[in-house]
PDB file of N, CA and C in Angstrom:
ATOM      1  N   GLN A   1      54.058 -10.189 -25.494  1.00  0.00           N
ATOM      2  CA  GLN A   1      54.971  -9.762 -24.428  1.00  0.00           C
ATOM      3  C   GLN A   1      56.105 -10.769 -24.320  1.00  0.00           C
ATOM      4  N   VAL A   2      57.324 -10.280 -24.410  1.00  0.00           N
ATOM      5  CA  VAL A   2      58.507 -11.134 -24.321  1.00  0.00           C
ATOM      6  C   VAL A   2      59.135 -10.961 -22.953  1.00  0.00           C
ATOM      7  N   GLN A   3      59.439 -12.059 -22.319  1.00  0.00           N
ATOM      8  CA  GLN A   3      60.180 -12.021 -21.060  1.00  0.00           C
ATOM      9  C   GLN A   3      61.484 -12.787 -21.224  1.00  0.00           C
ATOM     10  N   LEU A   4      62.569 -12.185 -20.757  1.00  0.00           N
ATOM     11  CA  LEU A   4      63.886 -12.807 -20.797  1.00  0.00           C
ATOM     12  C   LEU A   4      64.382 -12.946 -19.364  1.00  0.00           C
ATOM     13  N   VAL A   5      64.784 -14.150 -18.998  1.00  0.00           N
ATOM     14  CA  VAL A   5      65.235 -14.409 -17.638  1.00  0.00           C
ATOM     15  C   VAL A   5      66.628 -15.019 -17.686  1.00  0.00           C
ATOM     16  N   GLU A   6      67.588 -14.285 -17.127  1.00  0.00           N
ATOM     17  CA  GLU A   6      68.962 -14.763 -17.080  1.00  0.00           C
ATOM     18  C   GLU A   6      69.203 -15.589 -15.819  1.00  0.00           C
ATOM     19  N   SER A   7      70.132 -16.513 -15.932  1.00  0.00           N
ATOM     20  CA  SER A   7      70.570 -17.298 -14.771  1.00  0.00           C
ATOM     21  C   SER A   7      72.002 -17.744 -15.002  1.00  0.00           C
ATOM     22  N   GLY A   8      72.635 -18.215 -13.930  1.00  0.00           N
ATOM     23  CA  GLY A   8      73.975 -18.778 -14.055  1.00  0.00           C
ATOM     24  C   GLY A   8      75.090 -17.892 -13.545  1.00  0.00           C
ATOM     25  N   GLY A   9      74.765 -16.677 -13.122  1.00  0.00           N
ATOM     26  CA  GLY A   9      75.801 -15.819 -12.583  1.00  0.00           C
ATOM     27  C   GLY A   9      76.264 -16.278 -11.211  1.00  0.00           C
ATOM     28  N   GLY A  10      77.301 -15.618 -10.721  1.00  0.00           N
ATOM     29  CA  GLY A  10      77.815 -15.978  -9.401  1.00  0.00           C
ATOM     30  C   GLY A  10      79.220 -15.476  -9.202  1.00  0.00           C
ATOM     31  N   LEU A  11      79.850 -15.997  -8.159  1.00  0.00           N
ATOM     32  CA  LEU A  11      81.222 -15.650  -7.819  1.00  0.00           C
ATOM     33  C   LEU A  11      82.155 -16.749  -8.322  1.00  0.00           C
ATOM     34  N   VAL A  12      83.198 -16.355  -9.026  1.00  0.00           N
ATOM     35  CA  VAL A  12      84.146 -17.322  -9.561  1.00  0.00           C
ATOM     36  C   VAL A  12      85.554 -16.751  -9.433  1.00  0.00           C
ATOM     37  N   GLN A  13      86.527 -17.617  -9.267  1.00  0.00           N
ATOM     38  CA  GLN A  13      87.911 -17.175  -9.169  1.00  0.00           C
ATOM     39  C   GLN A  13      88.464 -16.852 -10.560  1.00  0.00           C
ATOM     40  N   PRO A  14      89.459 -15.983 -10.620  1.00  0.00           N
ATOM     41  CA  PRO A  14      90.104 -15.717 -11.911  1.00  0.00           C
ATOM     42  C   PRO A  14      90.576 -17.010 -12.566  1.00  0.00           C
ATOM     43  N   GLY A  15      90.348 -17.093 -13.872  1.00  0.00           N
ATOM     44  CA  GLY A  15      90.675 -18.305 -14.608  1.00  0.00           C
ATOM     45  C   GLY A  15      89.549 -19.316 -14.676  1.00  0.00           C
ATOM     46  N   GLY A  16      88.506 -19.092 -13.912  1.00  0.00           N
ATOM     47  CA  GLY A  16      87.385 -20.014 -13.889  1.00  0.00           C
ATOM     48  C   GLY A  16      86.410 -19.792 -15.027  1.00  0.00           C
ATOM     49  N   SER A  17      85.334 -20.584 -15.011  1.00  0.00           N
ATOM     50  CA  SER A  17      84.328 -20.534 -16.073  1.00  0.00           C
ATOM     51  C   SER A  17      82.928 -20.442 -15.482  1.00  0.00           C
ATOM     52  N   LEU A  18      82.048 -19.849 -16.242  1.00  0.00           N
ATOM     53  CA  LEU A  18      80.628 -19.819 -15.927  1.00  0.00           C
ATOM     54  C   LEU A  18      79.856 -19.931 -17.230  1.00  0.00           C
ATOM     55  N   ARG A  19      78.646 -20.466 -17.146  1.00  0.00           N
ATOM     56  CA  ARG A  19      77.755 -20.449 -18.293  1.00  0.00           C
ATOM     57  C   ARG A  19      76.461 -19.748 -17.904  1.00  0.00           C
ATOM     58  N   LEU A  20      76.187 -18.673 -18.598  1.00  0.00           N
ATOM     59  CA  LEU A  20      74.939 -17.948 -18.401  1.00  0.00           C
ATOM     60  C   LEU A  20      73.878 -18.475 -19.351  1.00  0.00           C
ATOM     61  N   SER A  21      72.651 -18.487 -18.874  1.00  0.00           N
ATOM     62  CA  SER A  21      71.512 -18.877 -19.703  1.00  0.00           C
ATOM     63  C   SER A  21      70.505 -17.744 -19.735  1.00  0.00           C
ATOM     64  N   CYS A  22      69.806 -17.650 -20.839  1.00  0.00           N
ATOM     65  CA  CYS A  22      68.742 -16.655 -21.002  1.00  0.00           C
ATOM     66  C   CYS A  22      67.536 -17.383 -21.582  1.00  0.00           C
ATOM     67  N   ALA A  23      66.534 -17.570 -20.752  1.00  0.00           N
ATOM     68  CA  ALA A  23      65.322 -18.263 -21.177  1.00  0.00           C
ATOM     69  C   ALA A  23      64.264 -17.242 -21.570  1.00  0.00           C
ATOM     70  N   ALA A  24      63.741 -17.406 -22.772  1.00  0.00           N
ATOM     71  CA  ALA A  24      62.731 -16.479 -23.279  1.00  0.00           C
ATOM     72  C   ALA A  24      61.352 -17.114 -23.200  1.00  0.00           C
ATOM     73  N   SER A  25      60.373 -16.306 -22.899  1.00  0.00           N
ATOM     74  CA  SER A  25      58.985 -16.760 -22.910  1.00  0.00           C
ATOM     75  C   SER A  25      58.123 -15.689 -23.547  1.00  0.00           C
ATOM     76  N   GLY A  26      56.965 -16.091 -24.003  1.00  0.00           N
ATOM     77  CA  GLY A  26      56.035 -15.141 -24.579  1.00  0.00           C
ATOM     78  C   GLY A  26      56.146 -14.999 -26.071  1.00  0.00           C
ATOM     79  N   ASN A  27      57.300 -15.355 -26.618  1.00  0.00           N
ATOM     80  CA  ASN A  27      57.500 -15.265 -28.058  1.00  0.00           C
ATOM     81  C   ASN A  27      58.760 -16.047 -28.395  1.00  0.00           C
ATOM     82  N   MET A  28      58.788 -16.646 -29.558  1.00  0.00           N
ATOM     83  CA  MET A  28      59.973 -17.410 -29.933  1.00  0.00           C
ATOM     84  C   MET A  28      61.121 -16.480 -30.297  1.00  0.00           C
ATOM     85  N   ILE A  29      62.330 -16.930 -30.057  1.00  0.00           N
ATOM     86  CA  ILE A  29      63.503 -16.113 -30.378  1.00  0.00           C
ATOM     87  C   ILE A  29      64.121 -16.499 -31.712  1.00  0.00           C
ATOM     88  N   SER A  30      63.602 -17.530 -32.343  1.00  0.00           N
ATOM     89  CA  SER A  30      64.298 -18.123 -33.485  1.00  0.00           C
ATOM     90  C   SER A  30      64.505 -17.147 -34.642  1.00  0.00           C
ATOM     91  N   ASP A  31      63.649 -16.179 -34.788  1.00  0.00           N
ATOM     92  CA  ASP A  31      63.758 -15.247 -35.911  1.00  0.00           C
ATOM     93  C   ASP A  31      64.507 -13.964 -35.559  1.00  0.00           C
ATOM     94  N   HIS A  32      65.096 -13.929 -34.359  1.00  0.00           N
ATOM     95  CA  HIS A  32      65.664 -12.687 -33.861  1.00  0.00           C
ATOM     96  C   HIS A  32      67.136 -12.814 -33.511  1.00  0.00           C
ATOM     97  N   THR A  33      67.843 -11.693 -33.674  1.00  0.00           N
ATOM     98  CA  THR A  33      69.196 -11.590 -33.154  1.00  0.00           C
ATOM     99  C   THR A  33      69.126 -11.423 -31.640  1.00  0.00           C
ATOM    100  N   MET A  34      69.952 -12.195 -30.963  1.00  0.00           N
ATOM    101  CA  MET A  34      70.029 -12.131 -29.502  1.00  0.00           C
ATOM    102  C   MET A  34      71.439 -11.691 -29.110  1.00  0.00           C
ATOM    103  N   ALA A  35      71.539 -11.065 -27.955  1.00  0.00           N
ATOM    104  CA  ALA A  35      72.842 -10.544 -27.539  1.00  0.00           C
ATOM    105  C   ALA A  35      72.975 -10.592 -26.034  1.00  0.00           C
ATOM    106  N   TRP A  36      74.207 -10.589 -25.597  1.00  0.00           N
ATOM    107  CA  TRP A  36      74.555 -10.407 -24.184  1.00  0.00           C
ATOM    108  C   TRP A  36      75.288  -9.081 -24.054  1.00  0.00           C
ATOM    109  N   TYR A  37      74.889  -8.318 -23.062  1.00  0.00           N
ATOM    110  CA  TYR A  37      75.545  -7.072 -22.702  1.00  0.00           C
ATOM    111  C   TYR A  37      76.016  -7.188 -21.262  1.00  0.00           C
ATOM    112  N   ARG A  38      76.883  -6.272 -20.868  1.00  0.00           N
ATOM    113  CA  ARG A  38      77.279  -6.206 -19.468  1.00  0.00           C
ATOM    114  C   ARG A  38      77.485  -4.756 -19.058  1.00  0.00           C
ATOM    115  N   GLN A  39      77.330  -4.527 -17.776  1.00  0.00           N
ATOM    116  CA  GLN A  39      77.543  -3.197 -17.221  1.00  0.00           C
ATOM    117  C   GLN A  39      78.266  -3.322 -15.894  1.00  0.00           C
ATOM    118  N   ALA A  40      79.465  -2.773 -15.868  1.00  0.00           N
ATOM    119  CA  ALA A  40      80.254  -2.755 -14.638  1.00  0.00           C
ATOM    120  C   ALA A  40      79.943  -1.463 -13.877  1.00  0.00           C
ATOM    121  N   PRO A  41      80.198  -1.433 -12.559  1.00  0.00           N
ATOM    122  CA  PRO A  41      79.922  -0.223 -11.777  1.00  0.00           C
ATOM    123  C   PRO A  41      80.642   0.984 -12.359  1.00  0.00           C
ATOM    124  N   GLY A  42      79.908   2.051 -12.547  1.00  0.00           N
ATOM    125  CA  GLY A  42      80.501   3.281 -13.040  1.00  0.00           C
ATOM    126  C   GLY A  42      80.805   3.307 -14.520  1.00  0.00           C
ATOM    127  N   LYS A  43      80.412   2.252 -15.231  1.00  0.00           N
ATOM    128  CA  LYS A  43      80.696   2.185 -16.670  1.00  0.00           C
ATOM    129  C   LYS A  43      79.407   2.061 -17.458  1.00  0.00           C
ATOM    130  N   GLU A  44      79.501   2.352 -18.744  1.00  0.00           N
ATOM    131  CA  GLU A  44      78.353   2.210 -19.615  1.00  0.00           C
ATOM    132  C   GLU A  44      78.133   0.742 -19.975  1.00  0.00           C
ATOM    133  N   ARG A  45      76.890   0.444 -20.302  1.00  0.00           N
ATOM    134  CA  ARG A  45      76.583  -0.911 -20.750  1.00  0.00           C
ATOM    135  C   ARG A  45      77.255  -1.147 -22.096  1.00  0.00           C
ATOM    136  N   GLU A  46      77.854  -2.336 -22.251  1.00  0.00           N
ATOM    137  CA  GLU A  46      78.561  -2.647 -23.485  1.00  0.00           C
ATOM    138  C   GLU A  46      78.117  -4.005 -24.013  1.00  0.00           C
ATOM    139  N   MET A  47      78.124  -4.132 -25.331  1.00  0.00           N
ATOM    140  CA  MET A  47      77.800  -5.398 -25.964  1.00  0.00           C
ATOM    141  C   MET A  47      78.954  -6.361 -25.786  1.00  0.00           C
ATOM    142  N   VAL A  48      78.641  -7.582 -25.388  1.00  0.00           N
ATOM    143  CA  VAL A  48      79.655  -8.617 -25.181  1.00  0.00           C
ATOM    144  C   VAL A  48      79.671  -9.583 -26.358  1.00  0.00           C
ATOM    145  N   ALA A  49      78.496 -10.059 -26.731  1.00  0.00           N
ATOM    146  CA  ALA A  49      78.399 -11.047 -27.806  1.00  0.00           C
ATOM    147  C   ALA A  49      77.019 -10.972 -28.425  1.00  0.00           C
ATOM    148  N   ARG A  50      76.953 -11.327 -29.700  1.00  0.00           N
ATOM    149  CA  ARG A  50      75.694 -11.257 -30.440  1.00  0.00           C
ATOM    150  C   ARG A  50      75.602 -12.470 -31.346  1.00  0.00           C
ATOM    151  N   ILE A  51      74.392 -12.993 -31.511  1.00  0.00           N
ATOM    152  CA  ILE A  51      74.184 -14.120 -32.426  1.00  0.00           C
ATOM    153  C   ILE A  51      72.924 -13.859 -33.240  1.00  0.00           C
ATOM    154  N   THR A  52      73.058 -13.974 -34.558  1.00  0.00           N
ATOM    155  CA  THR A  52      71.910 -13.727 -35.432  1.00  0.00           C
ATOM    156  C   THR A  52      71.019 -14.963 -35.497  1.00  0.00           C
ATOM    157  N   SER A  53      69.893 -14.806 -36.163  1.00  0.00           N
ATOM    158  CA  SER A  53      68.980 -15.931 -36.335  1.00  0.00           C
ATOM    159  C   SER A  53      69.610 -17.034 -37.181  1.00  0.00           C
ATOM    160  N   PHE A  54      70.610 -16.675 -37.985  1.00  0.00           N
ATOM    161  CA  PHE A  54      71.305 -17.658 -38.817  1.00  0.00           C
ATOM    162  C   PHE A  54      72.479 -18.298 -38.093  1.00  0.00           C
ATOM    163  N   GLY A  55      72.784 -17.802 -36.889  1.00  0.00           N
ATOM    164  CA  GLY A  55      73.876 -18.382 -36.107  1.00  0.00           C
ATOM    165  C   GLY A  55      75.203 -17.665 -36.255  1.00  0.00           C
ATOM    166  N   SER A  56      75.240 -16.570 -36.996  1.00  0.00           N
ATOM    167  CA  SER A  56      76.469 -15.788 -37.085  1.00  0.00           C
ATOM    168  C   SER A  56      76.715 -15.069 -35.769  1.00  0.00           C
ATOM    169  N   THR A  57      77.970 -15.017 -35.379  1.00  0.00           N
ATOM    170  CA  THR A  57      78.309 -14.439 -34.079  1.00  0.00           C
ATOM    171  C   THR A  57      79.337 -13.326 -34.230  1.00  0.00           C
ATOM    172  N   ASN A  58      79.319 -12.410 -33.290  1.00  0.00           N
ATOM    173  CA  ASN A  58      80.424 -11.476 -33.151  1.00  0.00           C
ATOM    174  C   ASN A  58      80.582 -11.122 -31.676  1.00  0.00           C
ATOM    175  N   TYR A  59      81.792 -10.701 -31.333  1.00  0.00           N
ATOM    176  CA  TYR A  59      82.186 -10.519 -29.937  1.00  0.00           C
ATOM    177  C   TYR A  59      82.929  -9.208 -29.742  1.00  0.00           C
ATOM    178  N   ALA A  60      82.835  -8.685 -28.532  1.00  0.00           N
ATOM    179  CA  ALA A  60      83.698  -7.587 -28.149  1.00  0.00           C
ATOM    180  C   ALA A  60      85.139  -8.076 -28.136  1.00  0.00           C
ATOM    181  N   ASP A  61      86.065  -7.206 -28.508  1.00  0.00           N
ATOM    182  CA  ASP A  61      87.471  -7.599 -28.546  1.00  0.00           C
ATOM    183  C   ASP A  61      87.953  -8.130 -27.205  1.00  0.00           C
ATOM    184  N   SER A  62      87.427  -7.576 -26.130  1.00  0.00           N
ATOM    185  CA  SER A  62      87.902  -7.935 -24.791  1.00  0.00           C
ATOM    186  C   SER A  62      87.549  -9.364 -24.392  1.00  0.00           C
ATOM    187  N   VAL A  63      86.608  -9.996 -25.105  1.00  0.00           N
ATOM    188  CA  VAL A  63      86.182 -11.338 -24.716  1.00  0.00           C
ATOM    189  C   VAL A  63      86.416 -12.379 -25.804  1.00  0.00           C
ATOM    190  N   LYS A  64      86.949 -11.947 -26.946  1.00  0.00           N
ATOM    191  CA  LYS A  64      87.182 -12.889 -28.045  1.00  0.00           C
ATOM    192  C   LYS A  64      88.058 -14.041 -27.602  1.00  0.00           C
ATOM    193  N   ASP A  65      87.674 -15.217 -28.044  1.00  0.00           N
ATOM    194  CA  ASP A  65      88.389 -16.463 -27.753  1.00  0.00           C
ATOM    195  C   ASP A  65      88.266 -16.908 -26.298  1.00  0.00           C
ATOM    196  N   ARG A  66      87.498 -16.194 -25.499  1.00  0.00           N
ATOM    197  CA  ARG A  66      87.202 -16.616 -24.129  1.00  0.00           C
ATOM    198  C   ARG A  66      85.715 -16.860 -23.905  1.00  0.00           C
ATOM    199  N   PHE A  67      84.876 -16.058 -24.534  1.00  0.00           N
ATOM    200  CA  PHE A  67      83.428 -16.167 -24.395  1.00  0.00           C
ATOM    201  C   PHE A  67      82.836 -16.710 -25.688  1.00  0.00           C
ATOM    202  N   PHE A  68      81.766 -17.498 -25.533  1.00  0.00           N
ATOM    203  CA  PHE A  68      81.127 -18.093 -26.700  1.00  0.00           C
ATOM    204  C   PHE A  68      79.621 -18.052 -26.516  1.00  0.00           C
ATOM    205  N   ILE A  69      78.930 -17.462 -27.491  1.00  0.00           N
ATOM    206  CA  ILE A  69      77.481 -17.359 -27.450  1.00  0.00           C
ATOM    207  C   ILE A  69      76.881 -18.454 -28.317  1.00  0.00           C
ATOM    208  N   SER A  70      75.778 -19.003 -27.856  1.00  0.00           N
ATOM    209  CA  SER A  70      75.086 -20.025 -28.635  1.00  0.00           C
ATOM    210  C   SER A  70      73.592 -19.908 -28.363  1.00  0.00           C
ATOM    211  N   ARG A  71      72.824 -20.604 -29.178  1.00  0.00           N
ATOM    212  CA  ARG A  71      71.377 -20.553 -29.010  1.00  0.00           C
ATOM    213  C   ARG A  71      70.775 -21.923 -29.253  1.00  0.00           C
ATOM    214  N   ASP A  72      69.717 -22.225 -28.543  1.00  0.00           N
ATOM    215  CA  ASP A  72      68.938 -23.436 -28.741  1.00  0.00           C
ATOM    216  C   ASP A  72      67.503 -22.972 -28.991  1.00  0.00           C
ATOM    217  N   ASN A  73      67.140 -22.873 -30.257  1.00  0.00           N
ATOM    218  CA  ASN A  73      65.816 -22.335 -30.585  1.00  0.00           C
ATOM    219  C   ASN A  73      64.694 -23.247 -30.086  1.00  0.00           C
ATOM    220  N   ALA A  74      64.958 -24.538 -30.042  1.00  0.00           N
ATOM    221  CA  ALA A  74      63.929 -25.460 -29.552  1.00  0.00           C
ATOM    222  C   ALA A  74      63.607 -25.210 -28.085  1.00  0.00           C
ATOM    223  N   LYS A  75      64.624 -24.768 -27.331  1.00  0.00           N
ATOM    224  CA  LYS A  75      64.424 -24.462 -25.913  1.00  0.00           C
ATOM    225  C   LYS A  75      64.176 -22.973 -25.690  1.00  0.00           C
ATOM    226  N   ASN A  76      64.199 -22.204 -26.779  1.00  0.00           N
ATOM    227  CA  ASN A  76      64.003 -20.755 -26.674  1.00  0.00           C
ATOM    228  C   ASN A  76      64.994 -20.132 -25.694  1.00  0.00           C
ATOM    229  N   THR A  77      66.241 -20.557 -25.784  1.00  0.00           N
ATOM    230  CA  THR A  77      67.264 -20.176 -24.804  1.00  0.00           C
ATOM    231  C   THR A  77      68.552 -19.799 -25.515  1.00  0.00           C
ATOM    232  N   VAL A  78      69.210 -18.790 -24.961  1.00  0.00           N
ATOM    233  CA  VAL A  78      70.522 -18.351 -25.438  1.00  0.00           C
ATOM    234  C   VAL A  78      71.518 -18.539 -24.300  1.00  0.00           C
ATOM    235  N   TYR A  79      72.725 -18.897 -24.648  1.00  0.00           N
ATOM    236  CA  TYR A  79      73.759 -19.174 -23.650  1.00  0.00           C
ATOM    237  C   TYR A  79      74.975 -18.277 -23.880  1.00  0.00           C
ATOM    238  N   LEU A  80      75.708 -18.064 -22.805  1.00  0.00           N
ATOM    239  CA  LEU A  80      77.015 -17.419 -22.901  1.00  0.00           C
ATOM    240  C   LEU A  80      77.992 -18.239 -22.066  1.00  0.00           C
ATOM    241  N   GLN A  81      78.867 -18.951 -22.741  1.00  0.00           N
ATOM    242  CA  GLN A  81      79.928 -19.695 -22.069  1.00  0.00           C
ATOM    243  C   GLN A  81      81.104 -18.748 -21.863  1.00  0.00           C
ATOM    244  N   MET A  82      81.513 -18.584 -20.634  1.00  0.00           N
ATOM    245  CA  MET A  82      82.592 -17.656 -20.292  1.00  0.00           C
ATOM    246  C   MET A  82      83.740 -18.437 -19.683  1.00  0.00           C
ATOM    247  N   ASN A  83      84.880 -18.417 -20.341  1.00  0.00           N
ATOM    248  CA  ASN A  83      86.065 -19.140 -19.894  1.00  0.00           C
ATOM    249  C   ASN A  83      87.186 -18.175 -19.545  1.00  0.00           C
ATOM    250  N   ASN A  84      88.138 -18.668 -18.777  1.00  0.00           N
ATOM    251  CA  ASN A  84      89.303 -17.857 -18.398  1.00  0.00           C
ATOM    252  C   ASN A  84      88.872 -16.471 -17.914  1.00  0.00           C
ATOM    253  N   LEU A  85      87.957 -16.460 -16.986  1.00  0.00           N
ATOM    254  CA  LEU A  85      87.397 -15.200 -16.504  1.00  0.00           C
ATOM    255  C   LEU A  85      88.446 -14.366 -15.786  1.00  0.00           C
ATOM    256  N   LYS A  86      88.304 -13.056 -15.941  1.00  0.00           N
ATOM    257  CA  LYS A  86      89.237 -12.098 -15.362  1.00  0.00           C
ATOM    258  C   LYS A  86      88.462 -11.148 -14.441  1.00  0.00           C
ATOM    259  N   PRO A  87      89.142 -10.530 -13.492  1.00  0.00           N
ATOM    260  CA  PRO A  87      88.445  -9.583 -12.611  1.00  0.00           C
ATOM    261  C   PRO A  87      87.714  -8.493 -13.374  1.00  0.00           C
ATOM    262  N   GLU A  88      88.258  -8.085 -14.512  1.00  0.00           N
ATOM    263  CA  GLU A  88      87.606  -7.026 -15.291  1.00  0.00           C
ATOM    264  C   GLU A  88      86.336  -7.493 -15.998  1.00  0.00           C
ATOM    265  N   ASP A  89      86.025  -8.784 -15.928  1.00  0.00           N
ATOM    266  CA  ASP A  89      84.758  -9.286 -16.447  1.00  0.00           C
ATOM    267  C   ASP A  89      83.625  -9.111 -15.428  1.00  0.00           C
ATOM    268  N   THR A  90      83.957  -8.679 -14.233  1.00  0.00           N
ATOM    269  CA  THR A  90      82.938  -8.464 -13.210  1.00  0.00           C
ATOM    270  C   THR A  90      81.941  -7.409 -13.669  1.00  0.00           C
ATOM    271  N   ALA A  91      80.668  -7.779 -13.658  1.00  0.00           N
ATOM    272  CA  ALA A  91      79.609  -6.882 -14.149  1.00  0.00           C
ATOM    273  C   ALA A  91      78.261  -7.566 -13.966  1.00  0.00           C
ATOM    274  N   VAL A  92      77.222  -6.796 -14.195  1.00  0.00           N
ATOM    275  CA  VAL A  92      75.897  -7.381 -14.360  1.00  0.00           C
ATOM    276  C   VAL A  92      75.727  -7.692 -15.847  1.00  0.00           C
ATOM    277  N   TYR A  93      75.351  -8.923 -16.135  1.00  0.00           N
ATOM    278  CA  TYR A  93      75.203  -9.365 -17.520  1.00  0.00           C
ATOM    279  C   TYR A  93      73.717  -9.415 -17.869  1.00  0.00           C
ATOM    280  N   TYR A  94      73.399  -8.839 -19.015  1.00  0.00           N
ATOM    281  CA  TYR A  94      72.019  -8.738 -19.467  1.00  0.00           C
ATOM    282  C   TYR A  94      71.844  -9.465 -20.791  1.00  0.00           C
ATOM    283  N   CYS A  95      70.742 -10.150 -20.907  1.00  0.00           N
ATOM    284  CA  CYS A  95      70.340 -10.762 -22.168  1.00  0.00           C
ATOM    285  C   CYS A  95      69.423  -9.784 -22.898  1.00  0.00           C
ATOM    286  N   SER A  96      69.526  -9.767 -24.209  1.00  0.00           N
ATOM    287  CA  SER A  96      68.717  -8.839 -24.990  1.00  0.00           C
ATOM    288  C   SER A  96      68.255  -9.481 -26.286  1.00  0.00           C
ATOM    289  N   ARG A  97      66.986  -9.265 -26.594  1.00  0.00           N
ATOM    290  CA  ARG A  97      66.524  -9.496 -27.958  1.00  0.00           C
ATOM    291  C   ARG A  97      66.615  -8.149 -28.626  1.00  0.00           C
ATOM    292  N   THR A  98      67.372  -8.053 -29.675  1.00  0.00           N
ATOM    293  CA  THR A  98      67.866  -6.750 -30.105  1.00  0.00           C
ATOM    294  C   THR A  98      66.806  -5.843 -30.727  1.00  0.00           C
ATOM    295  N   ASP A  99      65.562  -6.283 -30.740  1.00  0.00           N
ATOM    296  CA  ASP A  99      64.493  -5.365 -31.137  1.00  0.00           C
ATOM    297  C   ASP A  99      63.856  -4.698 -29.922  1.00  0.00           C
ATOM    298  N   GLY A 100      64.580  -4.776 -28.775  1.00  0.00           N
ATOM    299  CA  GLY A 100      64.164  -3.922 -27.677  1.00  0.00           C
ATOM    300  C   GLY A 100      63.746  -4.578 -26.388  1.00  0.00           C
ATOM    301  N   TYR A 101      64.046  -5.859 -26.210  1.00  0.00           N
ATOM    302  CA  TYR A 101      63.680  -6.543 -24.971  1.00  0.00           C
ATOM    303  C   TYR A 101      64.933  -6.875 -24.174  1.00  0.00           C
ATOM    304  N   TRP A 102      64.800  -6.733 -22.860  1.00  0.00           N
ATOM    305  CA  TRP A 102      65.928  -6.950 -21.956  1.00  0.00           C
ATOM    306  C   TRP A 102      65.504  -7.820 -20.787  1.00  0.00           C
ATOM    307  N   GLY A 103      66.476  -8.600 -20.302  1.00  0.00           N
ATOM    308  CA  GLY A 103      66.270  -9.306 -19.052  1.00  0.00           C
ATOM    309  C   GLY A 103      66.618  -8.416 -17.874  1.00  0.00           C
ATOM    310  N   GLN A 104      66.489  -8.990 -16.670  1.00  0.00           N
ATOM    311  CA  GLN A 104      66.729  -8.216 -15.463  1.00  0.00           C
ATOM    312  C   GLN A 104      68.197  -8.201 -15.071  1.00  0.00           C
ATOM    313  N   GLY A 105      68.993  -9.065 -15.655  1.00  0.00           N
ATOM    314  CA  GLY A 105      70.421  -9.106 -15.381  1.00  0.00           C
ATOM    315  C   GLY A 105      70.804 -10.149 -14.353  1.00  0.00           C
ATOM    316  N   THR A 106      72.046 -10.616 -14.457  1.00  0.00           N
ATOM    317  CA  THR A 106      72.605 -11.547 -13.486  1.00  0.00           C
ATOM    318  C   THR A 106      74.033 -11.105 -13.168  1.00  0.00           C
ATOM    319  N   GLN A 107      74.370 -11.122 -11.886  1.00  0.00           N
ATOM    320  CA  GLN A 107      75.670 -10.617 -11.448  1.00  0.00           C
ATOM    321  C   GLN A 107      76.743 -11.681 -11.653  1.00  0.00           C
ATOM    322  N   VAL A 108      77.849 -11.248 -12.241  1.00  0.00           N
ATOM    323  CA  VAL A 108      79.043 -12.088 -12.352  1.00  0.00           C
ATOM    324  C   VAL A 108      80.174 -11.358 -11.642  1.00  0.00           C
ATOM    325  N   THR A 109      80.765 -12.029 -10.670  1.00  0.00           N
ATOM    326  CA  THR A 109      81.873 -11.459  -9.921  1.00  0.00           C
ATOM    327  C   THR A 109      83.074 -12.381 -10.028  1.00  0.00           C
ATOM    328  N   VAL A 110      84.174 -11.829 -10.498  1.00  0.00           N
ATOM    329  CA  VAL A 110      85.412 -12.599 -10.648  1.00  0.00           C
ATOM    330  C   VAL A 110      86.418 -12.065  -9.637  1.00  0.00           C
ATOM    331  N   SER A 111      86.707 -12.878  -8.647  1.00  0.00           N
ATOM    332  CA  SER A 111      87.574 -12.422  -7.564  1.00  0.00           C
ATOM    333  C   SER A 111      88.166 -13.614  -6.845  1.00  0.00           C
ATOM    334  N   SER A 112      89.385 -13.420  -6.347  1.00  0.00           N
ATOM    335  CA  SER A 112      90.009 -14.461  -5.549  1.00  0.00           C
ATOM    336  C   SER A 112      89.728 -14.234  -4.069  1.00  0.00           C
TER     337      SER A 112
END
């Protein structure tokens, strides 16, 4: 049984930064692709960033050069560094192990 627990969300002003963490338990993440998704009110869930077991990354166009995904396999944790946040980044952010496990989500609100 894999459990993913996100943390680090909150309220931030436009232009600010947040770092989300996703701590995994029950199974190691080192052999798996991990991803961050987000879902804004009234919109479909969308992939934000993905990192393979080899460390290759890819990003949604809307967050390129602002968001950065990383992983610490020793800590069984994945991170999402979010810089220059915009109001349109407001959403619930979910961590995912791409073979079908999801966290409960953490709210990110960007507002002045």
